[in-house]
Amino acid sequence: MTDLPTPGEPSPAAPPSLTASAERARAQLHEEIERLRVGVEEMLAEQAEPIPQELRRELDDMREETRLQVRKRVKKTERKLERSLHRVEERTLQLETRIEGVEAERAAAEVRIYNETERLLDGLLQEIRTIADLFERPAQPPPFGGRGR
């Protein structure tokens, strides 16, 4: 089959590149924030001094915010995937129904062709028998007053 849409069927919407770029930039920003947070924690751990409570709270907030953002993005991606799968399943069902209809039409056409061919051959056979019967009849004398020698 081709990937061309059926007439009258809405074409799948392509996501705008601006949205994709914004998502990539947002993901990169969160990755950078997480990298910086981990770097600050490592640096403070190396200093062997207790981490100030305010800084610890800010780092924990950043960690939680990053975790929530990732979870939200994952859920959004899962929903998109589920919608896509649902559309594919619907399209598959439509195609299966269409294929079944085409197969039924093909089978009906085969029966019509077979029946018509059989009818034509029966007619041809009848004409051949009629011609054969004409050849088997004895020759009849010419009608009275006809020219015979």
C-alpha atoms as a PDB file:
ATOM      1  CA  MET A   1       0.000   0.000   0.000  1.00  0.00           C
ATOM      2  CA  THR A   2       1.059   3.595  -0.394  1.00  0.00           C
ATOM      3  CA  ASP A   3       1.430   6.182   2.309  1.00  0.00           C
ATOM      4  CA  LEU A   4      -0.884   8.558   0.479  1.00  0.00           C
ATOM      5  CA  PRO A   5      -3.975   9.595   2.447  1.00  0.00           C
ATOM      6  CA  THR A   6      -7.389   8.493   1.226  1.00  0.00           C
ATOM      7  CA  PRO A   7      -9.428  11.347  -0.305  1.00  0.00           C
ATOM      8  CA  GLY A   8     -11.717  12.942   2.257  1.00  0.00           C
ATOM      9  CA  GLU A   9      -9.491  11.829   5.095  1.00  0.00           C
ATOM     10  CA  PRO A  10      -7.638  14.471   7.146  1.00  0.00           C
ATOM     11  CA  SER A  11      -3.908  14.411   6.650  1.00  0.00           C
ATOM     12  CA  PRO A  12      -1.809  13.924   9.788  1.00  0.00           C
ATOM     13  CA  ALA A  13      -0.673  17.247  11.235  1.00  0.00           C
ATOM     14  CA  ALA A  14       3.079  17.738  11.326  1.00  0.00           C
ATOM     15  CA  PRO A  15       4.348  19.301  14.571  1.00  0.00           C
ATOM     16  CA  PRO A  16       5.659  22.824  14.001  1.00  0.00           C
ATOM     17  CA  SER A  17       9.433  23.083  14.054  1.00  0.00           C
ATOM     18  CA  LEU A  18       9.195  26.040  16.444  1.00  0.00           C
ATOM     19  CA  THR A  19       7.569  23.842  19.092  1.00  0.00           C
ATOM     20  CA  ALA A  20      10.167  21.119  18.563  1.00  0.00           C
ATOM     21  CA  SER A  21      12.964  23.684  18.869  1.00  0.00           C
ATOM     22  CA  ALA A  22      11.440  25.093  22.052  1.00  0.00           C
ATOM     23  CA  GLU A  23      11.188  21.589  23.521  1.00  0.00           C
ATOM     24  CA  ARG A  24      14.823  20.860  22.673  1.00  0.00           C
ATOM     25  CA  ALA A  25      15.935  24.170  24.192  1.00  0.00           C
ATOM     26  CA  ARG A  26      13.877  23.511  27.326  1.00  0.00           C
ATOM     27  CA  ALA A  27      15.361  20.024  27.660  1.00  0.00           C
ATOM     28  CA  GLN A  28      18.882  21.377  27.232  1.00  0.00           C
ATOM     29  CA  LEU A  29      18.201  24.062  29.841  1.00  0.00           C
ATOM     30  CA  HIS A  30      16.993  21.498  32.373  1.00  0.00           C
ATOM     31  CA  GLU A  31      19.973  19.261  31.646  1.00  0.00           C
ATOM     32  CA  GLU A  32      22.281  22.220  32.243  1.00  0.00           C
ATOM     33  CA  ILE A  33      20.495  23.110  35.493  1.00  0.00           C
ATOM     34  CA  GLU A  34      20.819  19.513  36.690  1.00  0.00           C
ATOM     35  CA  ARG A  35      24.504  19.442  35.707  1.00  0.00           C
ATOM     36  CA  LEU A  36      25.154  22.684  37.627  1.00  0.00           C
ATOM     37  CA  ARG A  37      23.238  21.427  40.666  1.00  0.00           C
ATOM     38  CA  VAL A  38      25.282  18.226  40.756  1.00  0.00           C
ATOM     39  CA  GLY A  39      28.473  20.261  40.279  1.00  0.00           C
ATOM     40  CA  VAL A  40      27.602  22.572  43.208  1.00  0.00           C
ATOM     41  CA  GLU A  41      26.814  19.574  45.435  1.00  0.00           C
ATOM     42  CA  GLU A  42      30.144  17.943  44.531  1.00  0.00           C
ATOM     43  CA  MET A  43      32.050  21.177  45.139  1.00  0.00           C
ATOM     44  CA  LEU A  44      30.415  21.658  48.534  1.00  0.00           C
ATOM     45  CA  ALA A  45      31.069  18.027  49.460  1.00  0.00           C
ATOM     46  CA  GLU A  46      34.773  18.487  48.611  1.00  0.00           C
ATOM     47  CA  GLN A  47      34.990  21.453  50.938  1.00  0.00           C
ATOM     48  CA  ALA A  48      34.066  19.135  53.810  1.00  0.00           C
ATOM     49  CA  GLU A  49      32.052  21.904  55.350  1.00  0.00           C
ATOM     50  CA  PRO A  50      28.398  21.467  56.084  1.00  0.00           C
ATOM     51  CA  ILE A  51      26.192  22.825  53.307  1.00  0.00           C
ATOM     52  CA  PRO A  52      24.263  25.889  54.424  1.00  0.00           C
ATOM     53  CA  GLN A  53      20.579  25.112  54.967  1.00  0.00           C
ATOM     54  CA  GLU A  54      19.424  27.788  52.513  1.00  0.00           C
ATOM     55  CA  LEU A  55      21.687  26.440  49.763  1.00  0.00           C
ATOM     56  CA  ARG A  56      20.628  22.866  50.554  1.00  0.00           C
ATOM     57  CA  ARG A  57      16.957  23.889  50.290  1.00  0.00           C
ATOM     58  CA  GLU A  58      17.595  25.645  46.964  1.00  0.00           C
ATOM     59  CA  LEU A  59      19.430  22.599  45.610  1.00  0.00           C
ATOM     60  CA  ASP A  60      16.607  20.317  46.755  1.00  0.00           C
ATOM     61  CA  ASP A  61      14.047  22.645  45.130  1.00  0.00           C
ATOM     62  CA  MET A  62      16.022  22.561  41.878  1.00  0.00           C
ATOM     63  CA  ARG A  63      16.202  18.762  42.042  1.00  0.00           C
ATOM     64  CA  GLU A  64      12.443  18.500  42.656  1.00  0.00           C
ATOM     65  CA  GLU A  65      11.652  20.996  39.898  1.00  0.00           C
ATOM     66  CA  THR A  66      13.820  19.065  37.446  1.00  0.00           C
ATOM     67  CA  ARG A  67      12.236  15.767  38.494  1.00  0.00           C
ATOM     68  CA  LEU A  68       8.716  17.179  38.043  1.00  0.00           C
ATOM     69  CA  GLN A  69       9.619  18.679  34.679  1.00  0.00           C
ATOM     70  CA  VAL A  70      11.019  15.362  33.442  1.00  0.00           C
ATOM     71  CA  ARG A  71       7.958  13.504  34.728  1.00  0.00           C
ATOM     72  CA  LYS A  72       5.651  16.005  33.034  1.00  0.00           C
ATOM     73  CA  ARG A  73       7.548  15.711  29.761  1.00  0.00           C
ATOM     74  CA  VAL A  74       7.442  11.915  29.935  1.00  0.00           C
ATOM     75  CA  LYS A  75       3.668  11.949  30.533  1.00  0.00           C
ATOM     76  CA  LYS A  76       3.166  14.358  27.649  1.00  0.00           C
ATOM     77  CA  THR A  77       5.226  12.131  25.359  1.00  0.00           C
ATOM     78  CA  GLU A  78       3.298   9.066  26.516  1.00  0.00           C
ATOM     79  CA  ARG A  79      -0.023  10.785  25.759  1.00  0.00           C
ATOM     80  CA  LYS A  80       1.201  11.757  22.298  1.00  0.00           C
ATOM     81  CA  LEU A  81       2.342   8.199  21.689  1.00  0.00           C
ATOM     82  CA  GLU A  82      -1.000   6.785  22.862  1.00  0.00           C
ATOM     83  CA  ARG A  83      -2.896   9.172  20.553  1.00  0.00           C
ATOM     84  CA  SER A  84      -0.656   8.197  17.659  1.00  0.00           C
ATOM     85  CA  LEU A  85      -1.144   4.503  18.375  1.00  0.00           C
ATOM     86  CA  HIS A  86      -4.895   5.027  18.608  1.00  0.00           C
ATOM     87  CA  ARG A  87      -4.909   6.772  15.213  1.00  0.00           C
ATOM     88  CA  VAL A  88      -2.816   3.961  13.715  1.00  0.00           C
ATOM     89  CA  GLU A  89      -5.192   1.352  15.139  1.00  0.00           C
ATOM     90  CA  GLU A  90      -8.214   3.214  13.736  1.00  0.00           C
ATOM     91  CA  ARG A  91      -6.556   3.500  10.351  1.00  0.00           C
ATOM     92  CA  THR A  92      -5.642  -0.204  10.445  1.00  0.00           C
ATOM     93  CA  LEU A  93      -9.254  -1.128  11.157  1.00  0.00           C
ATOM     94  CA  GLN A  94     -10.432   1.095   8.294  1.00  0.00           C
ATOM     95  CA  LEU A  95      -7.935  -0.507   5.937  1.00  0.00           C
ATOM     96  CA  GLU A  96      -8.877  -4.015   7.049  1.00  0.00           C
ATOM     97  CA  THR A  97     -12.553  -3.231   6.423  1.00  0.00           C
ATOM     98  CA  ARG A  98     -11.705  -1.760   3.047  1.00  0.00           C
ATOM     99  CA  ILE A  99      -9.589  -4.809   2.113  1.00  0.00           C
ATOM    100  CA  GLU A 100     -12.404  -7.153   3.125  1.00  0.00           C
ATOM    101  CA  GLY A 101     -14.803  -5.161   0.930  1.00  0.00           C
ATOM    102  CA  VAL A 102     -12.419  -5.292  -2.031  1.00  0.00           C
ATOM    103  CA  GLU A 103     -11.925  -9.039  -1.561  1.00  0.00           C
ATOM    104  CA  ALA A 104     -15.705  -9.556  -1.458  1.00  0.00           C
ATOM    105  CA  GLU A 105     -16.090  -7.492  -4.645  1.00  0.00           C
ATOM    106  CA  ARG A 106     -13.333  -9.511  -6.312  1.00  0.00           C
ATOM    107  CA  ALA A 107     -14.994 -12.800  -5.361  1.00  0.00           C
ATOM    108  CA  ALA A 108     -18.349 -11.556  -6.672  1.00  0.00           C
ATOM    109  CA  ALA A 109     -16.696 -10.428  -9.919  1.00  0.00           C
ATOM    110  CA  GLU A 110     -15.083 -13.858 -10.330  1.00  0.00           C
ATOM    111  CA  VAL A 111     -18.491 -15.514  -9.924  1.00  0.00           C
ATOM    112  CA  ARG A 112     -20.057 -13.120 -12.460  1.00  0.00           C
ATOM    113  CA  ILE A 113     -17.244 -13.753 -14.949  1.00  0.00           C
ATOM    114  CA  TYR A 114     -17.498 -17.519 -14.470  1.00  0.00           C
ATOM    115  CA  ASN A 115     -21.279 -17.498 -14.902  1.00  0.00           C
ATOM    116  CA  GLU A 116     -21.138 -15.256 -17.982  1.00  0.00           C
ATOM    117  CA  THR A 117     -18.373 -17.370 -19.558  1.00  0.00           C
ATOM    118  CA  GLU A 118     -20.361 -20.515 -18.861  1.00  0.00           C
ATOM    119  CA  ARG A 119     -23.481 -18.965 -20.442  1.00  0.00           C
ATOM    120  CA  LEU A 120     -21.511 -17.873 -23.532  1.00  0.00           C
ATOM    121  CA  LEU A 121     -19.903 -21.316 -23.902  1.00  0.00           C
ATOM    122  CA  ASP A 122     -23.296 -23.030 -23.532  1.00  0.00           C
ATOM    123  CA  GLY A 123     -24.680 -20.771 -26.274  1.00  0.00           C
ATOM    124  CA  LEU A 124     -21.695 -21.474 -28.521  1.00  0.00           C
ATOM    125  CA  LEU A 125     -22.031 -25.216 -27.925  1.00  0.00           C
ATOM    126  CA  GLN A 126     -25.715 -25.050 -28.852  1.00  0.00           C
ATOM    127  CA  GLU A 127     -24.882 -23.218 -32.108  1.00  0.00           C
ATOM    128  CA  ILE A 128     -22.188 -25.810 -32.951  1.00  0.00           C
ATOM    129  CA  ARG A 129     -24.678 -28.646 -32.311  1.00  0.00           C
ATOM    130  CA  THR A 130     -27.225 -26.956 -34.547  1.00  0.00           C
ATOM    131  CA  ILE A 131     -24.640 -26.638 -37.329  1.00  0.00           C
ATOM    132  CA  ALA A 132     -23.579 -30.277 -36.834  1.00  0.00           C
ATOM    133  CA  ASP A 133     -27.216 -31.378 -37.051  1.00  0.00           C
ATOM    134  CA  LEU A 134     -27.542 -29.524 -40.376  1.00  0.00           C
ATOM    135  CA  PHE A 135     -24.540 -31.403 -41.782  1.00  0.00           C
ATOM    136  CA  GLU A 136     -25.878 -34.773 -40.633  1.00  0.00           C
ATOM    137  CA  ARG A 137     -29.250 -34.436 -42.377  1.00  0.00           C
ATOM    138  CA  PRO A 138     -29.515 -36.192 -45.704  1.00  0.00           C
ATOM    139  CA  ALA A 139     -29.525 -33.951 -48.701  1.00  0.00           C
ATOM    140  CA  GLN A 140     -33.098 -33.132 -49.678  1.00  0.00           C
ATOM    141  CA  PRO A 141     -34.187 -33.150 -53.285  1.00  0.00           C
ATOM    142  CA  PRO A 142     -34.700 -29.759 -54.810  1.00  0.00           C
ATOM    143  CA  PRO A 143     -38.212 -28.428 -54.535  1.00  0.00           C
ATOM    144  CA  PHE A 144     -40.700 -29.255 -57.320  1.00  0.00           C
ATOM    145  CA  GLY A 145     -40.091 -27.182 -60.377  1.00  0.00           C
ATOM    146  CA  GLY A 146     -36.568 -26.544 -59.393  1.00  0.00           C
ATOM    147  CA  ARG A 147     -33.654 -27.034 -61.650  1.00  0.00           C
ATOM    148  CA  GLY A 148     -32.285 -30.475 -61.223  1.00  0.00           C
ATOM    149  CA  ARG A 149     -30.193 -32.363 -63.781  1.00  0.00           C
END
